[in-house]
């Protein structure tokens, strides 16, 4: 059964994006995860932001639908704005930070820069993108 994934591109008033450094694999990533049964995808993005980086966000819009063949699951990416909270680490994020979308840290999930660029682009249109390639676990084994 395919499980739908979500990412939250959280922007501050300066246009920086909030990223989380994962412990496994140790790469920078957007907050996100799987949609729970009965949960709306945009609600999952809000929940994941609260769980992973300890902030409350509002979803502004869907910015992309990403297909990850051959073994990746579809991911919806939402542009979000910070409502409250100070970003902080969690069991899923050993470090958090704000970054300019054109100066992202390394190592980063290789599929995320495109998702971030699509989210910061002006306009209401959502991108429909195929991002073939190996899974992040294969690229960054433990």
Protein backbone atom coordinates (compact mmCIF):
# COMPACT_ATOMS: atom_id res chain seq x y z
CA UNK A 1 0.00 0.00 0.00
CA UNK A 2 1.33 3.42 -0.97
CA UNK A 3 1.69 5.89 1.88
CA UNK A 4 1.44 9.56 0.99
CA UNK A 5 4.22 11.78 2.31
CA UNK A 6 4.32 15.51 3.03
CA UNK A 7 6.97 18.20 3.44
CA UNK A 8 6.50 21.63 5.00
CA UNK A 9 8.49 24.49 3.51
CA UNK A 10 8.33 26.90 6.45
CA UNK A 11 9.40 30.44 5.65
CA UNK A 12 10.20 33.28 8.02
CA UNK A 13 9.60 36.96 7.27
CA UNK A 14 13.10 37.21 5.73
CA UNK A 15 12.29 34.42 3.25
CA UNK A 16 14.55 31.85 4.90
CA UNK A 17 13.50 28.20 5.04
CA UNK A 18 13.52 26.12 8.22
CA UNK A 19 15.42 22.83 7.95
CA UNK A 20 16.04 19.99 10.37
CA UNK A 21 19.23 17.97 10.64
CA UNK A 22 18.22 14.34 11.01
CA UNK A 23 20.21 11.89 13.07
CA UNK A 24 19.57 8.96 10.66
CA UNK A 25 20.64 9.59 8.02
CA UNK A 26 22.60 12.69 9.15
CA UNK A 27 21.34 15.06 6.47
CA UNK A 28 19.39 18.31 6.40
CA UNK A 29 15.76 17.89 5.48
CA UNK A 30 12.42 19.67 5.39
CA UNK A 31 10.05 18.79 8.21
CA UNK A 32 7.70 16.10 7.02
CA UNK A 33 6.62 12.52 7.09
CA UNK A 34 3.73 10.23 6.34
CA UNK A 35 0.05 11.09 6.33
CA UNK A 36 -1.82 9.16 9.01
CA UNK A 37 -5.06 7.29 8.18
CA UNK A 38 -7.97 9.73 8.11
CA UNK A 39 -5.66 12.77 8.20
CA UNK A 40 -5.72 15.47 5.52
CA UNK A 41 -2.29 15.98 3.91
CA UNK A 42 -2.16 19.67 4.95
CA UNK A 43 -2.97 18.64 8.53
CA UNK A 44 -0.06 16.18 8.36
CA UNK A 45 2.29 19.01 7.32
CA UNK A 46 1.17 21.09 10.33
CA UNK A 47 1.52 18.08 12.68
CA UNK A 48 4.97 17.15 11.38
CA UNK A 49 6.21 20.75 11.82
CA UNK A 50 5.03 20.71 15.44
CA UNK A 51 6.55 17.29 16.14
CA UNK A 52 9.89 17.73 14.39
CA UNK A 53 10.83 21.40 14.80
CA UNK A 54 8.44 22.48 17.60
CA UNK A 55 6.64 25.30 15.75
CA UNK A 56 3.04 26.07 14.87
CA UNK A 57 2.49 26.82 11.19
CA UNK A 58 -0.30 27.69 8.79
CA UNK A 59 -0.39 26.12 5.34
CA UNK A 60 -0.58 28.76 2.62
CA UNK A 61 -0.68 26.54 -0.44
CA UNK A 62 0.29 23.31 -2.14
CA UNK A 63 3.48 23.97 -4.10
CA UNK A 64 4.23 20.58 -5.61
CA UNK A 65 3.41 16.93 -6.05
CA UNK A 66 6.54 14.80 -6.38
CA UNK A 67 6.67 11.28 -7.76
CA UNK A 68 9.69 9.21 -6.70
CA UNK A 69 10.06 6.18 -8.97
CA UNK A 70 10.87 3.37 -8.74
CA UNK A 71 10.62 2.86 -4.98
CA UNK A 72 9.67 6.24 -3.52
CA UNK A 73 6.21 7.23 -2.41
CA UNK A 74 4.42 10.38 -3.61
CA UNK A 75 5.09 13.52 -1.60
CA UNK A 76 2.97 16.67 -1.39
CA UNK A 77 4.87 19.83 -0.50
CA UNK A 78 3.18 22.75 1.22
CA UNK A 79 4.40 26.31 1.65
CA UNK A 80 3.83 27.30 5.27
CA UNK A 81 4.26 30.37 7.41
CA UNK A 82 5.38 30.44 11.00
CA UNK A 83 2.58 31.30 13.42
CA UNK A 84 4.31 30.76 16.76
CA UNK A 85 7.10 28.98 18.55
CA UNK A 86 10.85 29.01 18.48
CA UNK A 87 12.32 26.26 16.30
CA UNK A 88 13.95 23.57 18.41
CA UNK A 89 15.28 20.06 18.05
CA UNK A 90 13.31 16.91 18.75
CA UNK A 91 13.90 13.15 18.70
CA UNK A 92 13.73 13.42 14.89
CA UNK A 93 15.82 16.59 14.52
CA UNK A 94 19.16 16.93 16.29
CA UNK A 95 19.54 20.51 15.04
CA UNK A 96 17.36 23.08 13.29
CA UNK A 97 18.25 26.21 11.36
CA UNK A 98 17.02 28.92 9.03
CA UNK A 99 18.68 29.02 5.62
CA UNK A 100 18.55 31.16 2.51
CA UNK A 101 16.84 29.04 -0.17
CA UNK A 102 19.79 29.62 -2.53
CA UNK A 103 22.43 28.79 0.12
CA UNK A 104 21.28 25.48 1.58
CA UNK A 105 23.47 23.45 3.96
CA UNK A 106 25.22 20.20 3.12
CA UNK A 107 24.67 17.38 3.22
CA UNK A 108 21.02 17.80 2.28
CA UNK A 109 18.40 15.39 1.04
CA UNK A 110 19.13 15.60 -2.72
CA UNK A 111 15.44 15.90 -3.64
CA UNK A 112 14.72 18.84 -1.33
CA UNK A 113 16.45 21.78 -3.11
CA UNK A 114 14.06 21.45 -6.06
CA UNK A 115 11.08 21.26 -3.71
CA UNK A 116 12.27 24.35 -1.83
CA UNK A 117 12.85 26.29 -5.07
CA UNK A 118 9.35 25.39 -6.28
CA UNK A 119 7.85 26.49 -2.94
CA UNK A 120 9.54 29.90 -2.85
CA UNK A 121 8.67 30.65 -6.48
CA UNK A 122 5.89 33.23 -6.78
CA UNK A 123 2.51 32.13 -7.98
CA UNK A 124 -0.29 29.82 -6.96
CA UNK A 125 0.52 26.96 -9.34
CA UNK A 126 1.69 23.63 -7.93
CA UNK A 127 4.44 21.74 -9.71
CA UNK A 128 3.97 18.12 -10.81
CA UNK A 129 7.45 16.58 -10.85
CA UNK A 130 9.02 13.16 -11.25
CA UNK A 131 12.22 12.81 -9.22
CA UNK A 132 13.63 9.40 -10.17
CA UNK A 133 16.59 8.02 -8.35
CA UNK A 134 17.63 5.93 -5.38
CA UNK A 135 16.05 6.34 -1.99
CA UNK A 136 17.68 8.66 0.52
CA UNK A 137 18.47 5.58 2.68
CA UNK A 138 20.45 4.11 -0.24
CA UNK A 139 22.28 7.41 -0.83
CA UNK A 140 23.05 7.91 2.89
CA UNK A 141 23.29 4.47 4.51
CA UNK A 142 23.61 4.30 8.28
